[in-house]
Amino acid sequence: MTDIAIIGGTGLNTINGLVITHREMVNTPYGQASSPLVYGELCGSKIVFIARHGSGHTIPPHQVNYRANLWALHNIGVKKVIAVAAVGGIRDDMRPGKVVFPDQIIDYTWSRENTFFQDNQHVKHIDFTYPYCEEVRNLLIDGAKSAQLDPVIDGTYGATQGPRLESAAEIKKLENDGCDIVGMTGMPEAALARELDICYATCAVVANWAAGKADDVITMEVIEANLKKGMEKVRLLLSKTLPCL
């Protein structure tokens, strides 16, 4: 049984160095997962990997089947999840290329299937005071420091609907609300993991300054260049963290 999973976001559809043993396409009570579950060994640790946006990055954030993805991982016995995500930087120290481990989240999404408890099922009111698992988060922070990545070890993730990027006025509102980074996939993924008692933490890579935080217009070329550098840091981070998990 594999109890560690990595959910790959934009920029991490595959993991270099993962020695794959097999793949499994999963149909769940909530529909089909975004991609096959990829089983393998990375840095001496057995893991399972799933691509949040599909193997070819074809699923936009608002159409990801978050329930199917988390249920599929839970069903095979996964206990700990590292969720990799690309984000925009709002706070001054959240500059492009930074690796960030948020400790809070604010949900601005709508119309997403955001709970396993509906259709007259027994309701589970999860405690979401601290939305990320401190055990996994602290191990990620220690791994990043060991790799000399100079991580940002706190911050509030503002989860927006997407798939479009935000306006400058929207980012100003998020900043006033206390958000430090902005992304499109943080919710309901974190809450669904909590409902399933999965220890979940996010490793965010800042791909660009959020709208209005820099003079330049945001382009995909800039995002992709920053993500390429950032995901190399993630791979180094995983090599330090996975043995500890």
Protein backbone atom coordinates (compact mmCIF):
# COMPACT_ATOMS: atom_id res chain seq x y z
CA MET A 1 0.00 0.00 0.00
CA THR A 2 1.22 3.51 -0.85
CA ASP A 3 0.25 6.14 1.71
CA ILE A 4 1.98 9.20 0.18
CA ALA A 5 0.55 11.04 -2.84
CA ILE A 6 1.60 14.04 -4.87
CA ILE A 7 -1.01 16.06 -6.72
CA GLY A 8 0.68 17.83 -9.60
CA GLY A 9 -0.62 21.18 -10.79
CA THR A 10 0.35 23.52 -13.60
CA GLY A 11 3.99 22.89 -14.47
CA LEU A 12 4.09 19.45 -12.85
CA ASN A 13 2.19 17.04 -15.08
CA THR A 14 4.95 14.47 -14.63
CA ILE A 15 7.79 13.95 -12.15
CA ASN A 16 11.31 13.51 -13.46
CA GLY A 17 13.06 10.67 -11.70
CA LEU A 18 9.90 8.80 -10.79
CA VAL A 19 10.47 5.10 -11.43
CA ILE A 20 7.00 4.02 -12.53
CA THR A 21 5.76 0.57 -11.57
CA HIS A 22 2.23 0.81 -12.96
CA ARG A 23 -0.67 3.09 -13.82
CA GLU A 24 -4.30 2.72 -12.84
CA MET A 25 -7.29 4.61 -14.25
CA VAL A 26 -9.91 5.00 -11.56
CA ASN A 27 -13.66 5.42 -11.81
CA THR A 28 -15.13 6.60 -8.52
CA PRO A 29 -18.65 7.14 -7.14
CA TYR A 30 -18.03 10.79 -8.09
CA GLY A 31 -16.92 10.18 -11.66
CA GLN A 32 -13.53 9.70 -13.26
CA ALA A 33 -10.34 11.08 -11.73
CA SER A 34 -8.38 13.70 -13.67
CA SER A 35 -5.66 11.28 -14.73
CA PRO A 36 -4.46 7.75 -14.09
CA LEU A 37 -2.92 7.11 -10.69
CA VAL A 38 0.78 6.67 -11.37
CA TYR A 39 2.52 4.39 -8.88
CA GLY A 40 6.25 4.43 -8.48
CA GLU A 41 9.34 5.15 -6.44
CA LEU A 42 10.91 8.57 -6.01
CA CYS A 43 13.96 9.31 -3.90
CA GLY A 44 13.66 5.88 -2.32
CA SER A 45 10.01 6.40 -1.33
CA LYS A 46 6.95 4.70 -2.75
CA ILE A 47 4.43 7.29 -3.91
CA VAL A 48 1.41 7.71 -6.13
CA PHE A 49 1.05 10.69 -8.45
CA ILE A 50 -2.02 12.26 -10.02
CA ALA A 51 -2.12 15.17 -12.49
CA ARG A 52 -4.80 17.58 -11.30
CA HIS A 53 -5.42 19.05 -14.76
CA GLY A 54 -5.13 15.77 -16.65
CA SER A 55 -2.10 14.18 -18.27
CA GLY A 56 -2.20 16.70 -21.11
CA HIS A 57 -3.18 19.66 -18.92
CA THR A 58 -6.61 19.92 -20.54
CA ILE A 59 -8.88 20.36 -17.50
CA PRO A 60 -9.40 23.97 -16.34
CA PRO A 61 -9.46 24.70 -12.59
CA HIS A 62 -13.23 25.10 -12.31
CA GLN A 63 -13.83 21.73 -14.01
CA VAL A 64 -11.38 19.58 -12.08
CA ASN A 65 -13.19 16.67 -10.44
CA TYR A 66 -11.70 17.32 -7.02
CA ARG A 67 -13.98 14.80 -5.30
CA ALA A 68 -13.00 11.98 -7.65
CA ASN A 69 -9.30 12.77 -7.29
CA LEU A 70 -9.33 12.80 -3.49
CA TRP A 71 -11.64 9.80 -3.21
CA ALA A 72 -9.39 7.79 -5.56
CA LEU A 73 -6.36 8.53 -3.38
CA HIS A 74 -8.26 7.80 -0.17
CA ASN A 75 -9.56 4.53 -1.58
CA ILE A 76 -6.05 3.15 -2.12
CA GLY A 77 -4.97 4.07 1.39
CA VAL A 78 -3.24 7.42 0.91
CA LYS A 79 -2.77 9.22 4.25
CA LYS A 80 -0.57 12.17 3.27
CA VAL A 81 -0.81 14.47 0.25
CA ILE A 82 1.61 17.08 -1.08
CA ALA A 83 -0.39 19.35 -3.38
CA VAL A 84 1.77 21.30 -5.82
CA ALA A 85 0.21 24.48 -7.23
CA ALA A 86 1.17 27.49 -9.34
CA VAL A 87 0.13 30.83 -7.82
CA GLY A 88 0.40 34.58 -8.29
CA GLY A 89 2.30 36.65 -5.77
CA ILE A 90 0.54 39.44 -3.85
CA ARG A 91 2.64 40.06 -0.74
CA ASP A 92 5.97 41.77 -1.34
CA ASP A 93 8.04 38.69 -0.50
CA MET A 94 5.98 36.44 -2.78
CA ARG A 95 8.06 37.20 -5.85
CA PRO A 96 8.14 34.95 -8.94
CA GLY A 97 10.12 31.76 -8.44
CA LYS A 98 9.51 31.60 -4.70
CA VAL A 99 8.37 28.37 -3.05
CA VAL A 100 5.62 29.05 -0.52
CA PHE A 101 3.95 26.90 2.12
CA PRO A 102 0.66 28.65 2.95
CA ASP A 103 -0.89 28.19 6.37
CA GLN A 104 -4.31 29.70 5.67
CA ILE A 105 -6.81 29.88 2.81
CA ILE A 106 -9.81 32.00 1.77
CA ASP A 107 -12.30 30.49 -0.68
CA TYR A 108 -13.71 32.73 -3.44
CA THR A 109 -14.84 29.89 -5.70
CA TRP A 110 -18.44 29.02 -6.49
CA SER A 111 -20.55 26.20 -7.99
CA ARG A 112 -17.89 23.55 -7.36
CA GLU A 113 -18.79 20.20 -5.83
CA ASN A 114 -17.20 20.95 -2.48
CA THR A 115 -18.23 18.18 -0.09
CA PHE A 116 -18.70 14.43 0.08
CA PHE A 117 -21.65 14.92 2.43
CA GLN A 118 -24.74 15.77 0.40
CA ASP A 119 -27.81 14.08 -1.07
CA ASN A 120 -29.24 13.43 2.41
CA GLN A 121 -26.06 11.80 3.66
CA HIS A 122 -24.90 12.23 7.25
CA VAL A 123 -23.22 15.64 7.52
CA LYS A 124 -19.64 15.93 8.77
CA HIS A 125 -18.71 19.38 10.05
CA ILE A 126 -14.93 19.41 9.70
CA ASP A 127 -12.76 21.72 11.79
CA PHE A 128 -11.08 23.95 9.21
CA THR A 129 -9.48 26.45 11.58
CA TYR A 130 -6.07 25.43 10.29
CA PRO A 131 -6.71 24.09 6.78
CA TYR A 132 -3.31 22.50 6.19
CA CYS A 133 -1.71 19.57 8.00
CA GLU A 134 1.06 20.98 10.16
CA GLU A 135 2.98 17.70 10.19
CA VAL A 136 3.40 17.59 6.41
CA ARG A 137 3.76 21.37 6.14
CA ASN A 138 6.61 21.43 8.65
CA LEU A 139 8.38 18.55 6.92
CA LEU A 140 8.12 20.44 3.62
CA ILE A 141 9.51 23.56 5.25
CA ASP A 142 12.41 21.60 6.76
CA GLY A 143 13.09 19.98 3.39
CA ALA A 144 13.09 23.34 1.61
CA LYS A 145 15.48 24.82 4.15
CA SER A 146 17.73 21.77 3.86
CA ALA A 147 17.78 22.30 0.09
CA GLN A 148 18.60 25.98 0.67
CA LEU A 149 15.54 27.12 -1.29
CA ASP A 150 14.84 30.13 0.97
CA PRO A 151 11.12 29.28 1.23
CA VAL A 152 8.29 31.49 2.45
CA ILE A 153 6.84 29.55 5.37
CA ASP A 154 3.50 31.27 5.85
CA GLY A 155 0.80 33.03 3.89
CA THR A 156 -2.87 33.07 3.04
CA TYR A 157 -3.92 31.47 -0.26
CA GLY A 158 -6.82 33.20 -2.02
CA ALA A 159 -8.64 30.58 -4.12
CA THR A 160 -10.40 32.15 -7.12
CA GLN A 161 -12.73 30.61 -9.68
CA GLY A 162 -10.72 30.94 -12.88
CA PRO A 163 -9.94 30.06 -15.54
CA ARG A 164 -9.24 33.71 -16.31
CA LEU A 165 -6.66 35.62 -14.33
CA GLU A 166 -7.85 38.31 -11.94
CA SER A 167 -8.26 42.03 -12.48
CA ALA A 168 -6.06 44.51 -10.62
CA ALA A 169 -9.08 45.60 -8.59
CA GLU A 170 -9.82 41.99 -7.61
CA ILE A 171 -6.25 41.51 -6.45
CA LYS A 172 -6.50 44.70 -4.41
CA LYS A 173 -9.64 43.30 -2.77
CA LEU A 174 -7.89 40.00 -2.05
CA GLU A 175 -4.95 41.88 -0.58
CA ASN A 176 -7.29 43.90 1.64
CA ASP A 177 -8.88 40.61 2.73
CA GLY A 178 -5.46 39.37 3.85
CA CYS A 179 -4.49 37.15 0.91
CA ASP A 180 -0.78 36.81 0.16
CA ILE A 181 -0.95 34.56 -2.90
CA VAL A 182 -3.70 33.76 -5.40
CA GLY A 183 -4.50 30.51 -7.18
CA MET A 184 -7.42 28.62 -8.67
CA THR A 185 -7.17 25.07 -7.30
CA GLY A 186 -6.72 25.40 -3.54
CA MET A 187 -10.41 24.85 -2.86
CA PRO A 188 -12.31 22.62 -2.49
CA GLU A 189 -9.27 20.32 -2.62
CA ALA A 190 -8.05 21.16 0.89
CA ALA A 191 -11.48 20.80 2.47
CA LEU A 192 -12.23 17.51 0.72
CA ALA A 193 -8.93 16.11 1.99
CA ARG A 194 -9.92 17.11 5.52
CA GLU A 195 -13.29 15.39 5.14
CA LEU A 196 -11.42 12.18 4.30
CA ASP A 197 -8.93 12.64 7.16
CA ILE A 198 -6.05 12.97 4.70
CA CYS A 199 -3.05 14.94 5.96
CA TYR A 200 -2.81 17.60 3.23
CA ALA A 201 -0.40 20.49 2.63
CA THR A 202 0.25 22.78 -0.32
CA CYS A 203 3.59 23.52 -1.94
CA ALA A 204 2.97 26.67 -3.99
CA VAL A 205 5.30 28.00 -6.66
CA VAL A 206 4.92 31.69 -7.49
CA ALA A 207 4.65 31.90 -11.28
CA ASN A 208 4.03 35.63 -11.64
CA TRP A 209 3.15 38.80 -9.81
CA ALA A 210 -0.61 39.05 -9.43
CA ALA A 211 -2.48 41.61 -11.54
CA GLY A 212 -1.51 45.17 -10.70
CA LYS A 213 1.49 44.18 -8.56
CA ALA A 214 3.99 44.80 -11.39
CA ASP A 215 4.14 47.16 -14.36
CA ASP A 216 4.26 44.40 -16.96
CA VAL A 217 1.24 42.62 -18.43
CA ILE A 218 1.05 38.96 -17.36
CA THR A 219 1.98 36.63 -20.22
CA MET A 220 2.05 32.85 -20.47
CA GLU A 221 5.67 33.04 -21.60
CA VAL A 222 6.67 34.67 -18.29
CA ILE A 223 4.55 32.21 -16.28
CA GLU A 224 6.03 29.19 -18.06
CA ALA A 225 9.61 30.44 -17.62
CA ASN A 226 9.12 31.02 -13.89
CA LEU A 227 7.37 27.68 -13.46
CA LYS A 228 10.19 25.82 -15.16
CA LYS A 229 12.65 27.22 -12.61
CA GLY A 230 10.20 26.80 -9.75
CA MET A 231 9.41 23.17 -10.48
CA GLU A 232 13.12 22.33 -10.43
CA LYS A 233 13.06 23.62 -6.86
CA VAL A 234 10.04 21.42 -6.12
CA ARG A 235 11.85 18.34 -7.39
CA LEU A 236 14.82 19.15 -5.16
CA LEU A 237 12.44 19.75 -2.26
CA LEU A 238 10.80 16.36 -2.77
CA SER A 239 14.18 14.63 -2.70
CA LYS A 240 14.74 16.10 0.77
CA THR A 241 11.21 15.67 2.13
CA LEU A 242 9.95 12.29 0.92
CA PRO A 243 12.40 10.20 2.98
CA CYS A 244 11.12 11.99 6.10
CA LEU A 245 7.49 11.24 5.27
